[in-house]
C-alpha atoms as a PDB file:
ATOM      1  CA  MET A   1      49.758 -25.774   5.178  1.00  0.00           C
ATOM      2  CA  LEU A   2      48.129 -22.346   5.303  1.00  0.00           C
ATOM      3  CA  GLU A   3      48.394 -20.746   8.622  1.00  0.00           C
ATOM      4  CA  LEU A   4      46.071 -17.622   9.375  1.00  0.00           C
ATOM      5  CA  THR A   5      46.745 -15.434  12.517  1.00  0.00           C
ATOM      6  CA  ASP A   6      43.914 -13.894  14.340  1.00  0.00           C
ATOM      7  CA  THR A   7      45.039 -10.479  12.914  1.00  0.00           C
ATOM      8  CA  GLN A   8      44.603 -11.787   9.291  1.00  0.00           C
ATOM      9  CA  ILE A   9      41.322 -13.423  10.050  1.00  0.00           C
ATOM     10  CA  GLY A  10      40.018 -10.128  12.041  1.00  0.00           C
ATOM     11  CA  ALA A  11      41.151  -7.875   8.937  1.00  0.00           C
ATOM     12  CA  TRP A  12      39.135 -10.397   6.611  1.00  0.00           C
ATOM     13  CA  VAL A  13      36.031 -10.318   8.845  1.00  0.00           C
ATOM     14  CA  ALA A  14      36.255  -6.431   9.313  1.00  0.00           C
ATOM     15  CA  THR A  15      36.606  -5.916   5.472  1.00  0.00           C
ATOM     16  CA  PHE A  16      33.119  -7.678   4.875  1.00  0.00           C
ATOM     17  CA  MET A  17      31.358  -7.689   8.195  1.00  0.00           C
ATOM     18  CA  LEU A  18      31.436  -3.881   9.026  1.00  0.00           C
ATOM     19  CA  PRO A  19      30.214  -2.735   5.733  1.00  0.00           C
ATOM     20  CA  LEU A  20      27.568  -5.414   5.824  1.00  0.00           C
ATOM     21  CA  PHE A  21      26.038  -3.797   9.116  1.00  0.00           C
ATOM     22  CA  ARG A  22      25.781  -0.211   7.365  1.00  0.00           C
ATOM     23  CA  VAL A  23      24.381  -1.616   4.010  1.00  0.00           C
ATOM     24  CA  THR A  24      21.906  -3.804   6.111  1.00  0.00           C
ATOM     25  CA  ALA A  25      20.865  -0.843   8.189  1.00  0.00           C
ATOM     26  CA  VAL A  26      19.989   1.179   5.140  1.00  0.00           C
ATOM     27  CA  LEU A  27      18.063  -1.350   3.334  1.00  0.00           C
ATOM     28  CA  MET A  28      16.144  -2.310   6.708  1.00  0.00           C
ATOM     29  CA  THR A  29      15.009   1.141   7.173  1.00  0.00           C
ATOM     30  CA  MET A  30      14.749   2.920   3.744  1.00  0.00           C
ATOM     31  CA  PRO A  31      11.345   3.162   1.742  1.00  0.00           C
ATOM     32  CA  ILE A  32      10.398   0.442  -0.560  1.00  0.00           C
ATOM     33  CA  ILE A  33      12.995  -2.039   0.463  1.00  0.00           C
ATOM     34  CA  GLY A  34      12.564  -1.493   3.985  1.00  0.00           C
ATOM     35  CA  THR A  35       8.981  -1.936   3.974  1.00  0.00           C
ATOM     36  CA  LYS A  36       7.085  -5.098   5.223  1.00  0.00           C
ATOM     37  CA  MET A  37       6.102  -5.867   1.682  1.00  0.00           C
ATOM     38  CA  LEU A  38       9.615  -7.249   0.996  1.00  0.00           C
ATOM     39  CA  PRO A  39      10.416 -10.224   3.200  1.00  0.00           C
ATOM     40  CA  ALA A  40      13.576  -9.825   5.694  1.00  0.00           C
ATOM     41  CA  ARG A  41      15.348 -12.732   4.185  1.00  0.00           C
ATOM     42  CA  VAL A  42      15.008 -10.988   0.439  1.00  0.00           C
ATOM     43  CA  ARG A  43      16.243  -7.665   2.165  1.00  0.00           C
ATOM     44  CA  LEU A  44      19.336  -9.530   3.649  1.00  0.00           C
ATOM     45  CA  TYR A  45      20.177 -11.052   0.266  1.00  0.00           C
ATOM     46  CA  PHE A  46      20.125  -7.625  -1.247  1.00  0.00           C
ATOM     47  CA  ALA A  47      22.455  -6.565   1.523  1.00  0.00           C
ATOM     48  CA  LEU A  48      24.935  -9.318   1.016  1.00  0.00           C
ATOM     49  CA  ALA A  49      24.987  -8.866  -2.661  1.00  0.00           C
ATOM     50  CA  ILE A  50      25.604  -5.100  -2.492  1.00  0.00           C
ATOM     51  CA  THR A  51      28.440  -5.417   0.144  1.00  0.00           C
ATOM     52  CA  VAL A  52      30.064  -8.201  -2.260  1.00  0.00           C
ATOM     53  CA  VAL A  53      30.037  -5.668  -5.014  1.00  0.00           C
ATOM     54  CA  ILE A  54      31.343  -2.582  -3.262  1.00  0.00           C
ATOM     55  CA  THR A  55      33.740  -4.187  -0.834  1.00  0.00           C
ATOM     56  CA  PRO A  56      36.600  -4.455  -3.430  1.00  0.00           C
ATOM     57  CA  GLY A  57      36.403  -0.478  -3.816  1.00  0.00           C
ATOM     58  CA  LEU A  58      36.239   0.310  -0.259  1.00  0.00           C
ATOM     59  CA  PRO A  59      39.135   1.981   1.878  1.00  0.00           C
ATOM     60  CA  PRO A  60      40.827  -0.410   4.208  1.00  0.00           C
ATOM     61  CA  MET A  61      38.788  -1.106   7.318  1.00  0.00           C
ATOM     62  CA  PRO A  62      40.422  -0.571  10.903  1.00  0.00           C
ATOM     63  CA  GLU A  63      41.602  -3.628  13.243  1.00  0.00           C
ATOM     64  CA  PHE A  64      38.169  -5.260  14.204  1.00  0.00           C
ATOM     65  CA  ASN A  65      37.651  -7.598  17.280  1.00  0.00           C
ATOM     66  CA  PRO A  66      34.253  -9.251  16.943  1.00  0.00           C
ATOM     67  CA  LEU A  67      34.295 -10.532  20.471  1.00  0.00           C
ATOM     68  CA  GLY A  68      35.492  -7.412  22.053  1.00  0.00           C
ATOM     69  CA  ILE A  69      33.724  -4.118  23.300  1.00  0.00           C
ATOM     70  CA  SER A  70      35.407  -1.978  20.736  1.00  0.00           C
ATOM     71  CA  GLY A  71      34.105  -4.521  18.046  1.00  0.00           C
ATOM     72  CA  LEU A  72      30.600  -4.232  19.229  1.00  0.00           C
ATOM     73  CA  LEU A  73      30.908  -0.509  19.270  1.00  0.00           C
ATOM     74  CA  MET A  74      32.076  -0.485  15.516  1.00  0.00           C
ATOM     75  CA  CYS A  75      29.166  -2.664  14.500  1.00  0.00           C
ATOM     76  CA  ALA A  76      26.502  -0.439  16.688  1.00  0.00           C
ATOM     77  CA  GLU A  77      28.373   2.570  14.960  1.00  0.00           C
ATOM     78  CA  GLN A  78      27.604   1.129  11.442  1.00  0.00           C
ATOM     79  CA  ILE A  79      23.883   0.496  12.271  1.00  0.00           C
ATOM     80  CA  ILE A  80      23.067   3.971  13.663  1.00  0.00           C
ATOM     81  CA  ILE A  81      24.704   5.467  10.309  1.00  0.00           C
ATOM     82  CA  GLY A  82      22.836   3.176   8.163  1.00  0.00           C
ATOM     83  CA  ALA A  83      19.506   3.693  10.006  1.00  0.00           C
ATOM     84  CA  MET A  84      20.063   7.663   9.987  1.00  0.00           C
ATOM     85  CA  PHE A  85      20.333   7.305   6.042  1.00  0.00           C
ATOM     86  CA  GLY A  86      17.264   5.285   5.803  1.00  0.00           C
ATOM     87  CA  LEU A  87      15.251   7.640   8.074  1.00  0.00           C
ATOM     88  CA  ALA A  88      16.688  10.501   5.877  1.00  0.00           C
ATOM     89  CA  LEU A  89      15.066   8.778   3.061  1.00  0.00           C
ATOM     90  CA  GLN A  90      11.932   8.200   4.958  1.00  0.00           C
ATOM     91  CA  MET A  91      11.222  11.959   5.395  1.00  0.00           C
ATOM     92  CA  LEU A  92      10.615  12.260   1.553  1.00  0.00           C
ATOM     93  CA  PHE A  93       8.003   9.527   1.543  1.00  0.00           C
ATOM     94  CA  GLN A  94       6.230  10.780   4.725  1.00  0.00           C
ATOM     95  CA  ALA A  95       5.855  14.144   3.360  1.00  0.00           C
ATOM     96  CA  PHE A  96       3.465  12.780   0.814  1.00  0.00           C
ATOM     97  CA  VAL A  97       1.734  10.557   2.987  1.00  0.00           C
ATOM     98  CA  VAL A  98       1.152  13.626   5.286  1.00  0.00           C
ATOM     99  CA  ALA A  99       0.093  15.696   2.136  1.00  0.00           C
ATOM    100  CA  GLY A 100      -2.696  12.803   1.369  1.00  0.00           C
ATOM    101  CA  GLN A 101      -3.640  12.801   4.867  1.00  0.00           C
ATOM    102  CA  ILE A 102      -4.415  16.535   4.813  1.00  0.00           C
ATOM    103  CA  ILE A 103      -6.069  16.590   1.609  1.00  0.00           C
ATOM    104  CA  ALA A 104      -8.236  13.514   2.742  1.00  0.00           C
ATOM    105  CA  ILE A 105      -9.481  15.257   5.772  1.00  0.00           C
ATOM    106  CA  GLN A 106     -10.234  18.530   3.778  1.00  0.00           C
ATOM    107  CA  MET A 107     -12.354  16.453   1.266  1.00  0.00           C
ATOM    108  CA  GLY A 108     -14.311  14.281   3.695  1.00  0.00           C
ATOM    109  CA  MET A 109     -12.436  10.984   3.118  1.00  0.00           C
ATOM    110  CA  ALA A 110     -10.621  10.689   6.336  1.00  0.00           C
ATOM    111  CA  PHE A 111     -12.820   7.752   7.228  1.00  0.00           C
ATOM    112  CA  ALA A 112     -11.915   5.940   4.031  1.00  0.00           C
ATOM    113  CA  SER A 113      -8.956   4.013   5.338  1.00  0.00           C
ATOM    114  CA  MET A 114      -7.047   0.760   4.615  1.00  0.00           C
ATOM    115  CA  VAL A 115      -4.153  -1.146   5.970  1.00  0.00           C
ATOM    116  CA  ASP A 116      -1.096   0.116   4.571  1.00  0.00           C
ATOM    117  CA  PRO A 117       0.830  -2.956   3.556  1.00  0.00           C
ATOM    118  CA  ALA A 118       4.256  -0.974   3.882  1.00  0.00           C
ATOM    119  CA  ASN A 119       3.883  -0.044   7.481  1.00  0.00           C
ATOM    120  CA  GLY A 120       1.181  -2.244   8.917  1.00  0.00           C
ATOM    121  CA  VAL A 121      -0.854   0.623  10.177  1.00  0.00           C
ATOM    122  CA  ASN A 122      -4.402   2.074   8.818  1.00  0.00           C
ATOM    123  CA  THR A 123      -3.899   5.174   6.454  1.00  0.00           C
ATOM    124  CA  ALA A 124      -6.235   6.943   4.511  1.00  0.00           C
ATOM    125  CA  VAL A 125      -6.936   5.879   0.899  1.00  0.00           C
ATOM    126  CA  VAL A 126      -5.406   9.311  -0.484  1.00  0.00           C
ATOM    127  CA  SER A 127      -2.246   8.689   1.599  1.00  0.00           C
ATOM    128  CA  GLN A 128      -1.914   5.145   0.222  1.00  0.00           C
ATOM    129  CA  PHE A 129      -2.214   6.215  -3.385  1.00  0.00           C
ATOM    130  CA  MET A 130       0.144   9.099  -2.801  1.00  0.00           C
ATOM    131  CA  THR A 131       2.793   6.479  -1.255  1.00  0.00           C
ATOM    132  CA  MET A 132       2.154   4.066  -4.239  1.00  0.00           C
ATOM    133  CA  LEU A 133       2.848   7.219  -6.661  1.00  0.00           C
ATOM    134  CA  VAL A 134       6.253   8.367  -4.916  1.00  0.00           C
ATOM    135  CA  SER A 135       7.381   4.848  -4.916  1.00  0.00           C
ATOM    136  CA  VAL A 136       6.786   4.582  -8.676  1.00  0.00           C
ATOM    137  CA  LEU A 137       8.567   7.954  -9.292  1.00  0.00           C
ATOM    138  CA  PHE A 138      11.436   7.115  -6.868  1.00  0.00           C
ATOM    139  CA  LEU A 139      12.536   3.663  -8.947  1.00  0.00           C
ATOM    140  CA  LEU A 140      11.761   5.256 -12.297  1.00  0.00           C
ATOM    141  CA  MET A 141      14.032   8.250 -11.565  1.00  0.00           C
ATOM    142  CA  ASN A 142      16.675   5.862 -10.355  1.00  0.00           C
ATOM    143  CA  GLY A 143      16.672   7.154  -6.556  1.00  0.00           C
ATOM    144  CA  HIS A 144      17.726   3.830  -5.426  1.00  0.00           C
ATOM    145  CA  LEU A 145      20.725   3.937  -7.439  1.00  0.00           C
ATOM    146  CA  VAL A 146      21.717   7.315  -6.037  1.00  0.00           C
ATOM    147  CA  VAL A 147      21.082   5.865  -2.605  1.00  0.00           C
ATOM    148  CA  ILE A 148      23.896   3.058  -3.352  1.00  0.00           C
ATOM    149  CA  GLU A 149      26.118   5.551  -4.661  1.00  0.00           C
ATOM    150  CA  VAL A 150      25.898   7.895  -1.658  1.00  0.00           C
ATOM    151  CA  LEU A 151      26.275   4.813   0.656  1.00  0.00           C
ATOM    152  CA  THR A 152      29.414   3.657  -1.042  1.00  0.00           C
ATOM    153  CA  GLU A 153      30.765   7.142  -0.767  1.00  0.00           C
ATOM    154  CA  SER A 154      30.121   7.386   2.905  1.00  0.00           C
ATOM    155  CA  PHE A 155      32.483   4.859   3.744  1.00  0.00           C
ATOM    156  CA  THR A 156      35.127   7.415   2.479  1.00  0.00           C
ATOM    157  CA  THR A 157      33.602  10.517   4.077  1.00  0.00           C
ATOM    158  CA  LEU A 158      32.405   8.745   7.058  1.00  0.00           C
ATOM    159  CA  PRO A 159      35.023   6.115   7.761  1.00  0.00           C
ATOM    160  CA  VAL A 160      34.206   2.898  10.016  1.00  0.00           C
ATOM    161  CA  GLY A 161      35.623   3.928  13.504  1.00  0.00           C
ATOM    162  CA  GLY A 162      35.534   7.596  12.802  1.00  0.00           C
ATOM    163  CA  GLY A 163      32.884   8.150  15.332  1.00  0.00           C
ATOM    164  CA  LEU A 164      29.510   9.540  15.300  1.00  0.00           C
ATOM    165  CA  LEU A 165      28.919  13.282  15.042  1.00  0.00           C
ATOM    166  CA  VAL A 166      26.272  14.618  17.342  1.00  0.00           C
ATOM    167  CA  ASN A 167      25.148  17.292  14.670  1.00  0.00           C
ATOM    168  CA  HIS A 168      23.942  14.425  12.412  1.00  0.00           C
ATOM    169  CA  PHE A 169      21.107  13.902  15.118  1.00  0.00           C
ATOM    170  CA  TRP A 170      20.280  17.220  15.299  1.00  0.00           C
ATOM    171  CA  GLU A 171      19.929  17.627  11.619  1.00  0.00           C
ATOM    172  CA  LEU A 172      17.821  14.664  11.464  1.00  0.00           C
ATOM    173  CA  ALA A 173      15.601  15.916  14.132  1.00  0.00           C
ATOM    174  CA  GLY A 174      15.399  19.214  12.440  1.00  0.00           C
ATOM    175  CA  ARG A 175      14.103  17.538   9.293  1.00  0.00           C
ATOM    176  CA  VAL A 176      10.782  16.725  11.008  1.00  0.00           C
ATOM    177  CA  GLY A 177       9.711  20.404  10.376  1.00  0.00           C
ATOM    178  CA  TRP A 178      10.498  19.974   6.667  1.00  0.00           C
ATOM    179  CA  VAL A 179       8.227  17.211   6.245  1.00  0.00           C
ATOM    180  CA  PHE A 180       5.122  19.066   7.378  1.00  0.00           C
ATOM    181  CA  GLY A 181       6.333  22.330   5.183  1.00  0.00           C
ATOM    182  CA  ALA A 182       6.728  20.210   2.105  1.00  0.00           C
ATOM    183  CA  ALA A 183       3.241  18.583   2.934  1.00  0.00           C
ATOM    184  CA  LEU A 184       1.674  21.783   2.928  1.00  0.00           C
ATOM    185  CA  LEU A 185       3.242  22.857  -0.299  1.00  0.00           C
ATOM    186  CA  LEU A 186       1.825  19.942  -2.080  1.00  0.00           C
ATOM    187  CA  VAL A 187      -1.660  20.374  -1.167  1.00  0.00           C
ATOM    188  CA  LEU A 188      -1.742  23.958  -0.850  1.00  0.00           C
ATOM    189  CA  PRO A 189      -3.785  24.608  -4.231  1.00  0.00           C
ATOM    190  CA  ALA A 190      -5.943  21.743  -3.277  1.00  0.00           C
ATOM    191  CA  ILE A 191      -6.819  23.223   0.471  1.00  0.00           C
ATOM    192  CA  THR A 192      -7.530  26.732  -1.008  1.00  0.00           C
ATOM    193  CA  ALA A 193      -9.903  25.357  -3.674  1.00  0.00           C
ATOM    194  CA  LEU A 194     -11.608  23.381  -1.138  1.00  0.00           C
ATOM    195  CA  LEU A 195     -11.827  26.219   1.328  1.00  0.00           C
ATOM    196  CA  VAL A 196     -13.633  28.236  -1.561  1.00  0.00           C
ATOM    197  CA  VAL A 197     -16.052  25.195  -1.643  1.00  0.00           C
ATOM    198  CA  ASN A 198     -16.901  25.311   1.914  1.00  0.00           C
ATOM    199  CA  ILE A 199     -17.269  29.124   2.150  1.00  0.00           C
ATOM    200  CA  ALA A 200     -19.930  28.785  -0.945  1.00  0.00           C
ATOM    201  CA  PHE A 201     -21.732  26.120   0.971  1.00  0.00           C
ATOM    202  CA  GLY A 202     -21.679  28.368   4.170  1.00  0.00           C
ATOM    203  CA  ILE A 203     -23.159  31.041   1.993  1.00  0.00           C
ATOM    204  CA  MET A 204     -25.736  28.859   0.603  1.00  0.00           C
ATOM    205  CA  THR A 205     -26.642  27.765   4.140  1.00  0.00           C
ATOM    206  CA  ARG A 206     -27.169  31.411   5.161  1.00  0.00           C
ATOM    207  CA  ALA A 207     -29.052  32.106   1.973  1.00  0.00           C
ATOM    208  CA  ALA A 208     -31.494  29.217   2.298  1.00  0.00           C
ATOM    209  CA  PRO A 209     -31.661  27.713   5.742  1.00  0.00           C
ATOM    210  CA  GLN A 210     -34.152  25.142   4.622  1.00  0.00           C
ATOM    211  CA  LEU A 211     -31.460  23.477   2.732  1.00  0.00           C
ATOM    212  CA  ASN A 212     -30.108  20.419   4.534  1.00  0.00           C
ATOM    213  CA  ILE A 213     -26.373  21.308   4.048  1.00  0.00           C
ATOM    214  CA  PHE A 214     -25.406  17.788   5.642  1.00  0.00           C
ATOM    215  CA  SER A 215     -27.076  16.041   3.056  1.00  0.00           C
ATOM    216  CA  ILE A 216     -26.125  18.128   0.088  1.00  0.00           C
ATOM    217  CA  GLY A 217     -22.652  19.451   1.301  1.00  0.00           C
ATOM    218  CA  PHE A 218     -21.013  16.096   2.140  1.00  0.00           C
ATOM    219  CA  PRO A 219     -21.466  14.346  -1.068  1.00  0.00           C
ATOM    220  CA  LEU A 220     -20.777  17.383  -3.116  1.00  0.00           C
ATOM    221  CA  THR A 221     -17.673  18.301  -1.125  1.00  0.00           C
ATOM    222  CA  LEU A 222     -16.374  14.608  -1.615  1.00  0.00           C
ATOM    223  CA  VAL A 223     -17.183  14.605  -5.403  1.00  0.00           C
ATOM    224  CA  LEU A 224     -15.467  18.096  -5.859  1.00  0.00           C
ATOM    225  CA  GLY A 225     -12.567  17.102  -3.774  1.00  0.00           C
ATOM    226  CA  MET A 226     -11.895  14.155  -5.995  1.00  0.00           C
ATOM    227  CA  GLY A 227     -12.008  16.432  -9.090  1.00  0.00           C
ATOM    228  CA  ILE A 228      -9.728  19.035  -7.050  1.00  0.00           C
ATOM    229  CA  PHE A 229      -7.235  16.141  -6.244  1.00  0.00           C
ATOM    230  CA  TRP A 230      -7.127  14.975  -9.810  1.00  0.00           C
ATOM    231  CA  VAL A 231      -6.514  18.375 -11.274  1.00  0.00           C
ATOM    232  CA  THR A 232      -3.730  18.874  -8.807  1.00  0.00           C
ATOM    233  CA  LEU A 233      -1.899  15.762  -9.768  1.00  0.00           C
ATOM    234  CA  ALA A 234      -0.982  17.151 -12.991  1.00  0.00           C
ATOM    235  CA  ASP A 235       1.656  19.357 -11.043  1.00  0.00           C
ATOM    236  CA  ILE A 236       2.757  16.429  -8.753  1.00  0.00           C
ATOM    237  CA  LEU A 237       5.842  15.571 -10.952  1.00  0.00           C
ATOM    238  CA  PRO A 238       7.545  19.098 -10.511  1.00  0.00           C
ATOM    239  CA  HIS A 239       6.792  19.068  -6.850  1.00  0.00           C
ATOM    240  CA  TYR A 240       8.363  15.767  -6.707  1.00  0.00           C
ATOM    241  CA  GLN A 241      11.440  16.611  -8.527  1.00  0.00           C
ATOM    242  CA  SER A 242      12.160  19.687  -6.403  1.00  0.00           C
ATOM    243  CA  LEU A 243      11.527  17.588  -3.081  1.00  0.00           C
ATOM    244  CA  ALA A 244      13.215  14.398  -4.238  1.00  0.00           C
ATOM    245  CA  SER A 245      16.522  16.590  -5.300  1.00  0.00           C
ATOM    246  CA  GLU A 246      16.353  18.441  -2.082  1.00  0.00           C
ATOM    247  CA  SER A 247      16.189  15.232   0.084  1.00  0.00           C
ATOM    248  CA  LEU A 248      18.941  13.483  -1.820  1.00  0.00           C
ATOM    249  CA  GLN A 249      21.096  16.543  -1.551  1.00  0.00           C
ATOM    250  CA  TRP A 250      20.572  16.615   2.089  1.00  0.00           C
ATOM    251  CA  LEU A 251      21.291  12.715   2.134  1.00  0.00           C
ATOM    252  CA  ARG A 252      24.776  13.483   0.348  1.00  0.00           C
ATOM    253  CA  GLU A 253      25.277  16.505   3.174  1.00  0.00           C
ATOM    254  CA  LEU A 254      24.589  14.037   5.870  1.00  0.00           C
ATOM    255  CA  ALA A 255      27.323  11.672   4.392  1.00  0.00           C
ATOM    256  CA  LYS A 256      29.527  14.311   3.411  1.00  0.00           C
ATOM    257  CA  ALA A 257      29.513  12.903   0.090  1.00  0.00           C
ATOM    258  CA  ARG A 258      30.361  15.210  -3.065  1.00  0.00           C
END
């Protein structure tokens, strides 16, 4: 008869459960997979499948007592690390969302909003378009595979039970400024062109005060803004490659992966 000790059972549970918490936290917070468009049950199935695949290649796990305070702290540690990875990826997507919001305000389409199925909030149509665009580019360029690779390496560079580093939280908080800077870099040509259009309308108003600038300028700004936005989309791929490379490299540095 096979007899198992508490130590053996705890080791087997830790081998699977502790990586599962980190993988699940990443999938629940990262873009695309972690959105409301994908049911939580499907995300959990993905987490189970990924954990089963990567577990044999992971380093040995520490002793784990699921009913003790130390075991709960280990679980919380894995959830926090996984959530930080997911939020770090969200920064890349939010840069494009903010860029779409900025250009929508400049061209007069801020009022045209719809419910974002990914986050469940109202966003401008331009922001929604940018979200779908960056999601397709992220999947086409195998960004999700890079995330899984970094996640697997993180169990070696950030071992279970190694504790959390305070500088990780400061790095994540400092990344908020990067989001606004990247968004401004994306829409700077469009903002400049729309500024020239607004200046032209101002000169027209001074030259011909009898013109109703509100009835003429608003539709023209909207039409010209759509044209300018369409033209600037030609350069969206180089910007995305630069921002995605920087974001994924920062994710590797956050995980201390090579």
